[in-house]
Amino acid sequence: MADDPLKNSPPQEEEGQQDDDLDAVHSGLAEDAPVVRIVNGVLHEAMKRGASDIHIEPFEKAVRVRYRIDGALQEMPPIPKQNQNAVLTRIKILSRMDITESRIPQDGRFKMRFKEKELDFRVSVLPVYSGGKIVMRILDKESLSLGLDRLGFLPETLNNFKEAIRRPFGMILITGPTGSGKSTTLYSILNQLNTPEKNIITIEDPIEYQVRGITQIQTKAEVGMDFASGLRAILRQSPDIVMVGEIRDSETADIAIKASLTGQLVLSTLHTNDAAGAVARLVDMGVEPFLISSSVILVAAQRLCRKVCDACKERVELSPEVLKQLNVDPDRIEPDPKKRVFHRGKGCEKCSQTGYKGRMGVLETLMIDDNIREMILKRSSAYEIKDYAVSKGMTTLRDDAIKKCFAGLTTPDEVFRVTSEDE
């Protein structure tokens, strides 16, 4: 590279932390070093392409670079093998890791400005056979300020969320696998609730976004600061709203639910396949059904699907075979045939020939009404709760994805990829 694309915007250390070594690294001479240009080039290209993660993976004779763009990994030009250790050291210095330690995993973070935006990079280094594998997650704070209205939710889903967050106390749960956008949804809710009149405290592992006006706590298992002990301490701080990064055990679940019954609005996540499954998961953790029925306001199951690229989208007709595969009555999803618009992306430079650009949430929201509370008390199965909710108009994950497909926002391939038939 002839010019360093980020010479005027080097990565920054955490605010308030000064370090002579970092000052030296950020000096003009250091910025001209080949390894700095390589690292800055990798970071710049990732941000330009809108990647959410950067993977730098050492192998015996090469160092592979891949970007996760809209949920899918795409391979990029490799880093020269002779620069492997220098690149690892550079990234460790930026992330304030111990450059002398190569036997154990390390975590760190740094900040960088790109096109007038400040981005956070969360860095993980894992020792592998051929060196250190690096994964950097790129976090854009501006995505949190969009608000719930701009996350791509259907109107009924959005109304359910708005009704739930108006409650003064109770529990809201977001469920789904890793990488399904749960954190973005939770932070968007917190951002909407973040006013000077509210004392908002979070406990997370790790802290993904640093939000002004919110007290955020990082768990530290090595000193006994886990979710349960941190949550106990939070409740002595007179919070109005509490966010628990994840409910992983019965102790955390019990404390969180009891907190939601004593005047706090509690937000958290669980790993379950659908919304109704969250109730069964809490019961399995040993939480009494009467506590669940009294505390939980809403459970939302979430996935992320890719959007058709606006620059190269073209209208297509769906074959009867595809509609049969979707196993859906089109009249039930969209009664007006003129509004059943199907599109696909032909592939262009803007979407790297994939036909997709950007992602949106696919959700099902289970509002806990009096009948569901009775079902929870009777220990009804997740299937029974879901069947009842669907009979009352709940949109399932699959139906939500199909509605977005019928609206020309995504494709049947994405519907099949992110949802299963029983969802």
Protein backbone atom coordinates (compact mmCIF):
# COMPACT_ATOMS: atom_id res chain seq x y z
CA MET A 1 0.00 0.00 0.00
CA ALA A 2 1.38 3.40 -0.96
CA ASP A 3 -0.68 5.35 1.57
CA ASP A 4 -1.95 4.42 4.96
CA PRO A 5 -5.77 4.78 4.69
CA LEU A 6 -6.12 5.40 8.43
CA LYS A 7 -3.06 7.54 9.04
CA ASN A 8 -5.21 10.41 10.28
CA SER A 9 -7.45 8.12 12.31
CA PRO A 10 -5.38 5.60 14.26
CA PRO A 11 -6.98 3.27 16.78
CA GLN A 12 -7.36 4.84 20.19
CA GLU A 13 -6.75 3.52 23.66
CA GLU A 14 -9.63 3.48 26.14
CA GLU A 15 -10.65 6.96 27.29
CA GLY A 16 -8.75 8.13 30.35
CA GLN A 17 -5.96 5.57 29.91
CA GLN A 18 -2.53 6.85 28.84
CA ASP A 19 0.36 4.60 27.93
CA ASP A 20 3.85 5.59 26.76
CA ASP A 21 4.14 2.52 24.55
CA LEU A 22 0.87 3.34 22.79
CA ASP A 23 1.98 6.95 22.34
CA ALA A 24 5.09 5.63 20.63
CA VAL A 25 3.09 3.25 18.46
CA HIS A 26 0.84 6.12 17.40
CA SER A 27 3.74 8.39 16.48
CA GLY A 28 4.34 9.32 12.85
CA LEU A 29 7.32 6.99 12.50
CA ALA A 30 5.40 4.03 13.87
CA GLU A 31 2.46 4.73 11.56
CA ASP A 32 4.79 4.26 8.58
CA ALA A 33 5.82 0.76 9.68
CA PRO A 34 4.68 -1.99 7.24
CA VAL A 35 2.88 -3.97 9.94
CA VAL A 36 0.85 -0.91 10.94
CA ARG A 37 -0.17 -0.37 7.34
CA ILE A 38 -1.21 -4.03 7.06
CA VAL A 39 -3.34 -3.91 10.23
CA ASN A 40 -4.87 -0.54 9.37
CA GLY A 41 -5.64 -1.78 5.86
CA VAL A 42 -7.46 -4.85 7.23
CA LEU A 43 -9.47 -2.69 9.66
CA HIS A 44 -10.29 -0.03 7.08
CA GLU A 45 -11.50 -2.54 4.49
CA ALA A 46 -13.68 -4.29 7.09
CA MET A 47 -15.34 -1.02 8.08
CA LYS A 48 -15.79 0.02 4.46
CA ARG A 49 -17.55 -3.28 3.68
CA GLY A 50 -19.77 -3.08 6.77
CA ALA A 51 -18.33 -6.20 8.42
CA SER A 52 -19.43 -7.15 11.93
CA ASP A 53 -16.40 -9.36 12.65
CA ILE A 54 -12.83 -9.77 11.43
CA HIS A 55 -11.22 -13.23 11.62
CA ILE A 56 -7.41 -13.52 11.30
CA GLU A 57 -6.52 -17.21 11.31
CA PRO A 58 -2.95 -18.56 11.16
CA PHE A 59 -2.25 -21.81 9.31
CA GLU A 60 1.00 -23.62 8.58
CA LYS A 61 1.84 -21.66 5.42
CA ALA A 62 -0.64 -18.80 5.33
CA VAL A 63 -2.65 -16.35 7.47
CA ARG A 64 -6.27 -16.28 6.35
CA VAL A 65 -8.41 -13.13 6.70
CA ARG A 66 -12.20 -13.35 6.65
CA TYR A 67 -14.91 -10.75 7.27
CA ARG A 68 -18.36 -11.58 8.57
CA ILE A 69 -20.70 -9.49 6.43
CA ASP A 70 -24.45 -9.75 7.04
CA GLY A 71 -23.87 -12.92 9.05
CA ALA A 72 -21.82 -14.80 6.41
CA LEU A 73 -18.01 -15.12 6.34
CA GLN A 74 -16.27 -13.89 3.20
CA GLU A 75 -12.60 -14.61 2.47
CA MET A 76 -10.22 -11.70 1.81
CA PRO A 77 -6.61 -11.49 0.59
CA PRO A 78 -4.31 -13.24 3.11
CA ILE A 79 -1.66 -11.63 5.30
CA PRO A 80 1.94 -12.64 4.43
CA LYS A 81 3.05 -15.46 6.76
CA GLN A 82 6.23 -13.60 7.70
CA ASN A 83 4.12 -10.77 9.15
CA GLN A 84 1.96 -13.06 11.34
CA ASN A 85 3.66 -12.44 14.69
CA ALA A 86 4.09 -8.71 14.07
CA VAL A 87 0.37 -8.34 13.23
CA LEU A 88 -0.59 -10.28 16.38
CA THR A 89 1.68 -8.08 18.52
CA ARG A 90 0.31 -4.88 16.96
CA ILE A 91 -3.28 -5.89 17.68
CA LYS A 92 -2.38 -6.96 21.23
CA ILE A 93 -0.78 -3.55 21.87
CA LEU A 94 -3.83 -1.72 20.55
CA SER A 95 -6.13 -3.90 22.70
CA ARG A 96 -3.97 -3.48 25.82
CA MET A 97 -3.15 -7.18 26.09
CA ASP A 98 0.01 -8.78 27.45
CA ILE A 99 2.30 -9.20 24.42
CA THR A 100 4.58 -11.57 26.38
CA GLU A 101 1.76 -14.08 27.03
CA SER A 102 0.95 -16.55 24.25
CA ARG A 103 -0.24 -19.61 26.19
CA ILE A 104 -3.71 -18.51 27.31
CA PRO A 105 -6.67 -16.73 25.64
CA GLN A 106 -6.82 -12.95 26.08
CA ASP A 107 -9.54 -10.34 25.58
CA GLY A 108 -9.26 -6.62 24.97
CA ARG A 109 -10.77 -3.69 23.10
CA PHE A 110 -9.90 -0.44 21.37
CA LYS A 111 -11.68 2.40 19.56
CA MET A 112 -11.33 3.85 16.09
CA ARG A 113 -12.91 6.68 14.14
CA PHE A 114 -14.26 5.98 10.65
CA LYS A 115 -16.28 8.47 8.55
CA GLU A 116 -17.03 10.66 11.59
CA LYS A 117 -18.21 7.63 13.60
CA GLU A 118 -16.46 6.12 16.60
CA LEU A 119 -16.43 2.33 16.48
CA ASP A 120 -15.55 -0.08 19.27
CA PHE A 121 -13.49 -3.18 18.50
CA ARG A 122 -13.84 -6.10 20.91
CA VAL A 123 -10.83 -8.38 20.47
CA SER A 124 -10.30 -12.03 21.36
CA VAL A 125 -6.97 -13.82 20.87
CA LEU A 126 -6.96 -17.62 21.10
CA PRO A 127 -3.71 -19.69 21.09
CA VAL A 128 -3.90 -22.28 18.30
CA TYR A 129 -1.39 -24.72 16.79
CA SER A 130 0.04 -22.26 14.27
CA GLY A 131 0.02 -19.11 16.42
CA GLY A 132 -2.73 -16.84 17.75
CA LYS A 133 -6.16 -16.69 16.14
CA ILE A 134 -7.67 -13.19 16.32
CA VAL A 135 -11.37 -12.35 16.17
CA MET A 136 -12.40 -8.70 16.33
CA ARG A 137 -16.05 -7.73 16.69
CA ILE A 138 -16.93 -4.27 15.36
CA LEU A 139 -19.54 -2.46 17.44
CA ASP A 140 -21.25 0.65 16.13
CA LYS A 141 -22.86 2.73 18.88
CA GLU A 142 -24.95 4.64 16.35
CA SER A 143 -26.97 1.50 15.62
CA LEU A 144 -28.34 1.78 19.17
CA SER A 145 -29.69 5.27 18.65
CA LEU A 146 -31.97 4.11 15.86
CA GLY A 147 -34.64 3.13 18.36
CA LEU A 148 -37.07 0.23 18.20
CA ASP A 149 -39.00 1.83 15.33
CA ARG A 150 -36.12 1.29 12.92
CA LEU A 151 -35.08 -2.29 13.71
CA GLY A 152 -37.38 -3.75 11.05
CA PHE A 153 -40.07 -5.06 13.42
CA LEU A 154 -43.60 -5.68 12.19
CA PRO A 155 -46.22 -3.25 13.61
CA GLU A 156 -47.77 -5.82 16.01
CA THR A 157 -44.30 -6.80 17.29
CA LEU A 158 -43.37 -3.17 17.82
CA ASN A 159 -46.62 -2.49 19.68
CA ASN A 160 -45.99 -5.46 22.00
CA PHE A 161 -42.52 -4.13 22.85
CA LYS A 162 -43.79 -0.60 23.46
CA GLU A 163 -46.54 -1.89 25.73
CA ALA A 164 -44.08 -4.04 27.69
CA ILE A 165 -41.49 -1.31 28.29
CA ARG A 166 -44.18 1.06 29.56
CA ARG A 167 -44.69 -1.24 32.56
CA PRO A 168 -42.98 0.02 35.75
CA PHE A 169 -41.80 -3.45 36.76
CA GLY A 170 -41.66 -7.00 35.47
CA MET A 171 -39.35 -9.02 33.21
CA ILE A 172 -38.72 -8.87 29.46
CA LEU A 173 -36.75 -11.76 27.95
CA ILE A 174 -35.10 -11.95 24.52
CA THR A 175 -34.19 -15.46 23.36
CA GLY A 176 -32.19 -16.81 20.46
CA PRO A 177 -28.80 -18.24 19.48
CA THR A 178 -25.52 -16.33 19.55
CA GLY A 179 -25.41 -13.65 16.85
CA SER A 180 -29.18 -13.25 16.54
CA GLY A 181 -29.21 -9.56 17.49
CA LYS A 182 -30.43 -9.97 21.09
CA SER A 183 -27.94 -7.44 22.47
CA THR A 184 -28.83 -4.80 19.86
CA THR A 185 -32.52 -5.16 20.71
CA LEU A 186 -31.84 -4.91 24.46
CA TYR A 187 -29.58 -1.87 24.07
CA SER A 188 -32.14 -0.21 21.80
CA ILE A 189 -34.75 -0.68 24.55
CA LEU A 190 -32.34 0.73 27.15
CA ASN A 191 -31.56 3.68 24.88
CA GLN A 192 -35.27 4.43 24.60
CA LEU A 193 -35.70 4.23 28.39
CA ASN A 194 -32.50 6.17 29.17
CA THR A 195 -33.63 9.43 30.79
CA PRO A 196 -32.22 11.43 33.73
CA GLU A 197 -35.16 10.27 35.87
CA LYS A 198 -34.21 6.58 35.55
CA ASN A 199 -31.37 4.76 37.31
CA ILE A 200 -30.33 2.09 34.79
CA ILE A 201 -27.70 -0.51 35.73
CA THR A 202 -26.45 -3.42 33.62
CA ILE A 203 -24.28 -6.44 34.38
CA GLU A 204 -22.73 -7.97 31.29
CA ASP A 205 -20.13 -10.46 30.06
CA PRO A 206 -18.63 -8.71 28.21
CA ILE A 207 -19.84 -5.11 27.97
CA GLU A 208 -20.58 -4.81 24.25
CA TYR A 209 -21.53 -1.13 23.99
CA GLN A 210 -20.62 1.64 26.40
CA VAL A 211 -23.68 3.88 26.74
CA ARG A 212 -23.60 7.35 28.28
CA GLY A 213 -25.92 7.72 31.26
CA ILE A 214 -26.06 4.00 32.07
CA THR A 215 -24.07 2.30 34.84
CA GLN A 216 -22.44 -0.81 33.36
CA ILE A 217 -20.73 -3.62 35.28
CA GLN A 218 -18.40 -6.24 33.80
CA THR A 219 -18.52 -9.71 35.38
CA LYS A 220 -15.22 -11.06 36.73
CA ALA A 221 -15.59 -14.73 37.58
CA GLU A 222 -12.00 -14.98 38.83
CA VAL A 223 -12.77 -12.67 41.77
CA GLY A 224 -16.27 -14.01 42.41
CA MET A 225 -18.14 -11.28 40.53
CA ASP A 226 -20.57 -13.41 38.55
CA PHE A 227 -24.08 -12.51 37.35
CA ALA A 228 -25.70 -13.62 40.62
CA SER A 229 -23.39 -11.75 43.00
CA GLY A 230 -23.32 -8.68 40.74
CA LEU A 231 -27.12 -8.66 40.56
CA ARG A 232 -27.38 -8.77 44.36
CA ALA A 233 -25.09 -5.74 44.58
CA ILE A 234 -27.05 -3.89 41.88
CA LEU A 235 -30.30 -4.27 43.82
CA ARG A 236 -28.74 -2.33 46.70
CA GLN A 237 -28.12 0.60 44.32
CA SER A 238 -31.81 1.58 44.02
CA PRO A 239 -32.16 0.80 40.29
CA ASP A 240 -35.28 1.47 38.23
CA ILE A 241 -34.20 -0.71 35.30
CA VAL A 242 -31.76 -3.63 35.37
CA MET A 243 -30.26 -5.44 32.40
CA VAL A 244 -28.69 -8.86 33.01
CA GLY A 245 -26.58 -9.90 30.02
CA GLU A 246 -27.68 -13.52 30.22
CA ILE A 247 -29.53 -15.80 32.63
CA ARG A 248 -27.24 -18.83 32.80
CA ASP A 249 -28.10 -20.51 36.09
CA SER A 250 -30.89 -20.96 38.60
CA GLU A 251 -29.43 -18.51 41.13
CA THR A 252 -29.32 -15.65 38.60
CA ALA A 253 -32.81 -16.54 37.34
CA ASP A 254 -34.23 -16.56 40.87
CA ILE A 255 -32.68 -13.21 41.86
CA ALA A 256 -33.68 -11.55 38.55
CA ILE A 257 -37.28 -12.69 38.78
CA LYS A 258 -37.62 -11.64 42.41
CA ALA A 259 -36.13 -8.24 41.50
CA SER A 260 -38.79 -7.83 38.80
CA LEU A 261 -41.46 -8.46 41.44
CA THR A 262 -40.12 -5.81 43.82
CA GLY A 263 -40.34 -2.76 41.60
CA GLN A 264 -37.67 -3.08 38.89
CA LEU A 265 -38.03 -3.57 35.16
CA VAL A 266 -35.59 -6.39 34.37
CA LEU A 267 -34.30 -7.15 30.86
CA SER A 268 -32.31 -10.26 30.03
CA THR A 269 -31.57 -12.99 27.48
CA LEU A 270 -31.90 -16.77 27.37
CA HIS A 271 -30.78 -19.40 24.89
CA THR A 272 -33.98 -21.09 23.72
CA ASN A 273 -35.33 -21.83 20.24
CA ASP A 274 -38.64 -20.00 20.58
CA ALA A 275 -40.51 -17.67 22.92
CA ALA A 276 -42.62 -20.32 24.68
CA GLY A 277 -39.50 -22.38 25.33
CA ALA A 278 -38.22 -19.67 27.68
CA VAL A 279 -40.92 -20.53 30.21
CA ALA A 280 -39.95 -24.20 30.20
CA ARG A 281 -36.28 -23.24 30.49
CA LEU A 282 -36.92 -21.17 33.62
CA VAL A 283 -38.91 -24.04 35.17
CA ASP A 284 -36.02 -26.41 34.35
CA MET A 285 -33.71 -24.00 36.18
CA GLY A 286 -35.80 -24.51 39.29
CA VAL A 287 -37.78 -21.25 39.27
CA GLU A 288 -41.24 -21.73 40.74
CA PRO A 289 -44.04 -21.39 38.15
CA PHE A 290 -45.95 -18.90 40.33
CA LEU A 291 -42.91 -16.57 40.24
CA ILE A 292 -42.63 -16.86 36.45
CA SER A 293 -46.33 -16.20 35.89
CA SER A 294 -46.23 -13.16 38.18
CA SER A 295 -43.08 -11.56 36.76
CA VAL A 296 -42.65 -12.19 33.03
CA ILE A 297 -44.37 -9.61 30.81
CA LEU A 298 -43.04 -10.51 27.37
CA VAL A 299 -40.76 -13.08 25.76
CA ALA A 300 -39.38 -12.42 22.28
CA ALA A 301 -37.53 -14.96 20.15
CA GLN A 302 -35.22 -13.36 17.61
CA ARG A 303 -33.19 -14.20 14.51
CA LEU A 304 -31.44 -12.06 11.89
CA CYS A 305 -32.07 -12.49 8.18
CA ARG A 306 -30.30 -10.80 5.28
CA LYS A 307 -32.09 -8.12 3.24
CA VAL A 308 -32.21 -8.08 -0.54
CA CYS A 309 -29.71 -5.56 -1.92
CA ASP A 310 -31.59 -2.41 -2.99
CA ALA A 311 -29.00 -1.62 -5.67
CA CYS A 312 -29.50 -4.82 -7.68
CA LYS A 313 -32.90 -6.17 -6.62
CA GLU A 314 -35.17 -7.56 -9.30
CA ARG A 315 -38.73 -8.83 -9.13
CA VAL A 316 -39.23 -12.59 -9.46
CA GLU A 317 -42.13 -15.01 -9.49
CA LEU A 318 -42.12 -17.76 -6.88
CA SER A 319 -42.75 -21.23 -8.23
CA PRO A 320 -45.53 -23.37 -6.70
CA GLU A 321 -42.79 -25.73 -5.46
CA VAL A 322 -41.19 -22.98 -3.36
CA LEU A 323 -44.56 -21.96 -1.91
CA LYS A 324 -45.18 -25.61 -1.10
CA GLN A 325 -41.79 -25.81 0.63
CA LEU A 326 -42.72 -22.76 2.70
CA ASN A 327 -45.77 -24.77 3.79
CA VAL A 328 -47.88 -21.67 4.12
CA ASP A 329 -51.25 -20.46 2.90
CA PRO A 330 -50.41 -17.19 1.07
CA ASP A 331 -53.89 -15.81 1.80
CA ARG A 332 -53.27 -16.15 5.53
CA ILE A 333 -49.99 -14.20 5.42
CA GLU A 334 -50.96 -11.57 2.83
CA PRO A 335 -54.59 -11.61 1.63
CA ASP A 336 -53.96 -9.11 -1.19
CA PRO A 337 -52.16 -10.89 -4.09
CA LYS A 338 -50.93 -7.51 -5.41
CA LYS A 339 -48.93 -7.03 -2.21
CA ARG A 340 -47.12 -10.35 -2.57
CA VAL A 341 -43.95 -8.97 -4.08
CA PHE A 342 -40.91 -11.23 -4.36
CA HIS A 343 -37.43 -9.95 -5.05
CA ARG A 344 -33.91 -11.25 -5.28
CA GLY A 345 -30.55 -9.54 -5.71
CA LYS A 346 -28.71 -10.15 -8.96
CA GLY A 347 -25.37 -9.34 -7.33
CA CYS A 348 -23.38 -6.12 -7.69
CA GLU A 349 -20.34 -4.32 -6.32
CA LYS A 350 -22.28 -2.84 -3.41
CA CYS A 351 -23.26 -6.29 -2.09
CA SER A 352 -20.01 -8.06 -3.15
CA GLN A 353 -22.04 -10.10 -5.67
CA THR A 354 -24.07 -11.79 -2.90
CA GLY A 355 -27.45 -10.20 -3.68
CA TYR A 356 -27.86 -9.21 0.00
CA LYS A 357 -27.01 -6.00 1.82
CA GLY A 358 -27.82 -5.45 5.50
CA ARG A 359 -29.86 -7.49 7.96
CA MET A 360 -33.14 -7.14 9.83
CA GLY A 361 -34.73 -8.80 12.82
CA VAL A 362 -37.19 -11.68 12.58
CA LEU A 363 -39.19 -12.00 15.79
CA GLU A 364 -42.04 -13.70 17.57
CA THR A 365 -43.32 -11.94 20.67
CA LEU A 366 -45.24 -13.79 23.36
CA MET A 367 -47.24 -11.43 25.57
CA ILE A 368 -48.07 -13.13 28.86
CA ASP A 369 -51.82 -12.78 29.38
CA ASP A 370 -54.03 -14.21 32.14
CA ASN A 371 -54.63 -17.48 30.29
CA ILE A 372 -50.91 -18.05 29.74
CA ARG A 373 -50.30 -17.31 33.42
CA GLU A 374 -52.79 -20.06 34.28
CA MET A 375 -51.04 -22.41 31.86
CA ILE A 376 -47.67 -21.66 33.48
CA LEU A 377 -49.10 -22.38 36.94
CA LYS A 378 -50.43 -25.71 35.63
CA ARG A 379 -46.97 -26.46 34.15
CA SER A 380 -48.33 -26.70 30.61
CA SER A 381 -45.74 -27.59 27.97
CA ALA A 382 -44.08 -25.05 25.70
CA TYR A 383 -46.01 -26.55 22.76
CA GLU A 384 -49.35 -25.98 24.49
CA ILE A 385 -48.45 -22.39 25.35
CA LYS A 386 -47.30 -21.73 21.79
CA ASP A 387 -50.42 -23.28 20.26
CA TYR A 388 -52.61 -21.11 22.45
CA ALA A 389 -50.60 -17.96 21.60
CA VAL A 390 -50.80 -18.68 17.85
CA SER A 391 -54.57 -19.19 18.15
CA LYS A 392 -54.73 -15.70 19.68
CA GLY A 393 -52.80 -14.16 16.80
CA MET A 394 -49.12 -14.48 17.73
CA THR A 395 -46.86 -14.26 14.67
CA THR A 396 -44.28 -17.07 14.77
CA LEU A 397 -40.67 -16.69 13.64
CA ARG A 398 -41.44 -18.52 10.39
CA ASP A 399 -44.54 -16.40 9.69
CA ASP A 400 -42.63 -13.18 10.45
CA ALA A 401 -39.89 -14.19 8.00
CA ILE A 402 -42.45 -15.15 5.33
CA LYS A 403 -44.25 -11.80 5.71
CA LYS A 404 -40.93 -10.05 5.04
CA CYS A 405 -40.37 -12.35 2.07
CA PHE A 406 -43.84 -11.52 0.70
CA ALA A 407 -43.00 -7.82 1.11
CA GLY A 408 -39.92 -8.23 -1.09
CA LEU A 409 -37.49 -7.53 1.78
CA THR A 410 -35.81 -10.94 1.86
CA THR A 411 -35.83 -14.25 -0.03
CA PRO A 412 -37.22 -17.76 0.55
CA ASP A 413 -33.63 -19.00 0.92
CA GLU A 414 -33.21 -16.72 3.94
CA VAL A 415 -36.55 -17.87 5.38
CA PHE A 416 -35.34 -21.49 5.25
CA ARG A 417 -31.90 -20.54 6.61
CA VAL A 418 -32.99 -18.64 9.73
CA THR A 419 -36.22 -20.43 10.71
CA SER A 420 -37.49 -23.99 10.88
CA GLU A 421 -40.98 -25.16 10.05
CA ASP A 422 -42.05 -25.60 13.67
CA GLU A 423 -41.00 -22.01 14.41
